Amino acid sequence: MLRDKKVYVPRNKKLRAELIQLYYNILVGEHKGQLKTTELVIRNFWWLGATKEVKKYIERCNIYQRNKNCIETPIGNLILNVVLAKPWAHITADFIRKLPLAQEYNSILVICNKLTKMTYFVSTTKRTSAEGVARLFRDNIWKLNNLLESC
């Protein structure tokens, strides 16, 4: 049966997949991809949704997945890690919140040395202000480890 001088393909998934595979395998050596395969299939055959079906078939192809072009922009150059000179010059700090109440404390201030990974855990409350964090830092970290270079 013909439609616009093209062979009409009935609703048979197996038959349609075979036709797509036939034309797609012709291009495996060149691996032109989706557009060329779609063009070849549509040139000779017609069925509703042929373009979408060719696209789905090719996207599931293992060879296509391994060889397709990456359309994402490159992230940029790698940045080397800075080698730290002395301990407690560079730290990270964060809170663990929403803990059950224990001796009037429900949060923990975690301060970690970036070089040695030594960590201090300071118990505090959820309502600690910036001034309170500064006091906790002064009383628990600075008095033991000197002034920092970065936080």
Protein backbone atom coordinates (compact mmCIF):
# COMPACT_ATOMS: atom_id res chain seq x y z
CA MET A 1 0.00 0.00 0.00
CA LEU A 2 1.38 3.41 -0.96
CA ARG A 3 0.89 6.86 0.51
CA ASP A 4 2.46 9.83 -1.32
CA LYS A 5 4.68 7.40 -3.29
CA LYS A 6 5.99 5.89 -0.03
CA VAL A 7 5.36 2.42 1.35
CA TYR A 8 2.89 2.51 4.23
CA VAL A 9 4.10 0.51 7.23
CA PRO A 10 1.32 -0.93 9.42
CA ARG A 11 1.32 -0.76 13.24
CA ASN A 12 3.82 -3.48 13.86
CA LYS A 13 6.60 -2.47 16.26
CA LYS A 14 8.84 -5.34 15.24
CA LEU A 15 8.58 -4.49 11.54
CA ARG A 16 9.19 -0.79 12.12
CA ALA A 17 12.21 -1.52 14.35
CA GLU A 18 13.61 -3.83 11.65
CA LEU A 19 13.26 -1.10 9.00
CA ILE A 20 14.97 1.47 11.22
CA GLN A 21 17.72 -1.00 12.10
CA LEU A 22 18.25 -1.80 8.42
CA TYR A 23 18.86 1.83 7.50
CA TYR A 24 20.72 2.60 10.71
CA ASN A 25 23.14 -0.31 10.24
CA ILE A 26 24.03 0.99 6.77
CA LEU A 27 25.43 4.05 8.53
CA VAL A 28 27.16 2.26 11.41
CA GLY A 29 30.52 2.60 9.70
CA GLU A 30 30.04 6.33 9.27
CA HIS A 31 27.64 6.67 12.17
CA LYS A 32 25.96 9.74 10.76
CA GLY A 33 23.33 9.47 13.46
CA GLN A 34 19.74 10.46 13.78
CA LEU A 35 19.19 12.98 10.97
CA LYS A 36 20.64 10.83 8.20
CA THR A 37 18.80 7.71 9.38
CA THR A 38 15.52 9.61 9.68
CA GLU A 39 16.00 11.02 6.19
CA LEU A 40 16.61 7.54 4.72
CA VAL A 41 13.63 5.95 6.47
CA ILE A 42 11.20 8.76 5.62
CA ARG A 43 12.35 8.85 2.00
CA ASN A 44 10.90 5.38 1.36
CA PHE A 45 8.41 4.62 4.14
CA TRP A 46 5.54 6.34 5.93
CA TRP A 47 3.84 5.78 9.27
CA LEU A 48 2.49 8.13 11.88
CA GLY A 49 5.27 9.20 14.27
CA ALA A 50 8.13 7.77 12.19
CA THR A 51 10.52 10.59 13.11
CA LYS A 52 9.94 10.11 16.85
CA GLU A 53 10.33 6.37 16.57
CA VAL A 54 13.66 6.69 14.72
CA LYS A 55 14.88 9.14 17.38
CA LYS A 56 13.94 6.76 20.23
CA TYR A 57 15.60 3.82 18.48
CA ILE A 58 18.86 5.69 17.95
CA GLU A 59 18.95 7.15 21.48
CA ARG A 60 18.79 3.60 22.85
CA CYS A 61 21.69 2.48 20.63
CA ASN A 62 24.83 1.63 22.60
CA ILE A 63 27.23 2.75 19.84
CA TYR A 64 25.40 6.07 19.46
CA GLN A 65 25.54 6.70 23.21
CA ARG A 66 29.29 6.12 23.28
CA ASN A 67 30.05 8.24 20.21
CA LYS A 68 27.59 11.14 20.37
CA ASN A 69 28.99 14.64 20.60
CA CYS A 70 29.03 16.33 23.98
CA ILE A 71 26.99 19.54 23.70
CA GLU A 72 27.89 20.86 27.12
CA THR A 73 30.39 23.67 27.41
CA PRO A 74 33.70 22.73 29.03
CA ILE A 75 33.88 23.47 32.75
CA GLY A 76 37.26 25.17 32.53
CA ASN A 77 40.82 24.52 33.58
CA LEU A 78 41.55 22.40 36.62
CA ILE A 79 42.64 24.31 39.67
CA LEU A 80 45.34 22.69 41.78
CA ASN A 81 44.72 22.29 45.48
CA VAL A 82 46.67 24.68 47.64
CA VAL A 83 49.17 22.90 49.86
CA LEU A 84 48.61 24.27 53.32
CA ALA A 85 51.69 25.29 55.29
CA LYS A 86 50.61 24.91 58.91
CA PRO A 87 47.74 23.42 60.89
CA TRP A 88 44.87 25.56 62.12
CA ALA A 89 45.59 28.32 59.60
CA HIS A 90 42.61 27.30 57.44
CA ILE A 91 39.37 25.84 58.82
CA THR A 92 35.79 25.01 57.91
CA ALA A 93 32.87 25.53 60.25
CA ASP A 94 29.26 24.37 60.19
CA PHE A 95 26.32 23.64 62.48
CA ILE A 96 24.50 20.41 63.16
CA ARG A 97 21.00 21.55 64.13
CA LYS A 98 17.63 20.11 65.14
CA LEU A 99 19.09 17.65 67.61
CA PRO A 100 17.15 16.43 70.65
CA LEU A 101 17.62 18.59 73.73
CA ALA A 102 20.49 17.38 75.92
CA GLN A 103 21.65 19.42 78.95
CA GLU A 104 20.01 22.54 77.42
CA TYR A 105 21.88 22.16 74.10
CA ASN A 106 20.26 21.24 70.78
CA SER A 107 22.98 22.11 68.21
CA ILE A 108 26.65 21.42 67.62
CA LEU A 109 29.20 23.79 66.11
CA VAL A 110 31.64 21.68 64.07
CA ILE A 111 35.05 23.23 63.35
CA CYS A 112 37.49 21.26 61.18
CA ASN A 113 41.14 21.94 60.39
CA LYS A 114 41.64 21.65 56.61
CA LEU A 115 45.21 20.34 56.85
CA THR A 116 45.03 17.69 59.56
CA LYS A 117 41.25 17.11 59.52
CA MET A 118 41.26 17.48 63.30
CA THR A 119 37.76 18.45 64.40
CA TYR A 120 36.24 20.20 67.40
CA PHE A 121 32.61 19.72 68.37
CA VAL A 122 31.20 22.54 70.48
CA SER A 123 27.73 22.12 71.97
CA THR A 124 25.47 25.16 71.59
CA THR A 125 21.83 26.14 71.14
CA LYS A 126 19.77 26.70 68.04
CA ARG A 127 19.43 30.42 68.83
CA THR A 128 23.17 31.22 68.90
CA SER A 129 23.84 34.64 67.36
CA ALA A 130 26.87 35.70 65.30
CA GLU A 131 28.36 37.23 68.44
CA GLY A 132 27.74 33.95 70.27
CA VAL A 133 29.52 31.99 67.53
CA ALA A 134 32.47 34.38 67.82
CA ARG A 135 32.60 33.76 71.58
CA LEU A 136 32.40 29.98 71.09
CA PHE A 137 35.22 30.21 68.57
CA ARG A 138 37.35 32.37 70.86
CA ASP A 139 36.79 30.16 73.90
CA ASN A 140 37.20 26.78 72.19
CA ILE A 141 39.44 27.20 69.14
CA TRP A 142 41.45 30.41 69.13
CA LYS A 143 42.79 30.04 72.67
CA LEU A 144 44.21 26.62 71.73
CA ASN A 145 45.34 27.13 68.13
CA ASN A 146 46.26 30.79 67.38
CA LEU A 147 44.79 33.15 64.78
CA LEU A 148 43.50 31.85 61.43
CA GLU A 149 44.40 32.85 57.88
CA SER A 150 41.08 31.80 56.30
CA CYS A 151 37.72 30.39 57.25
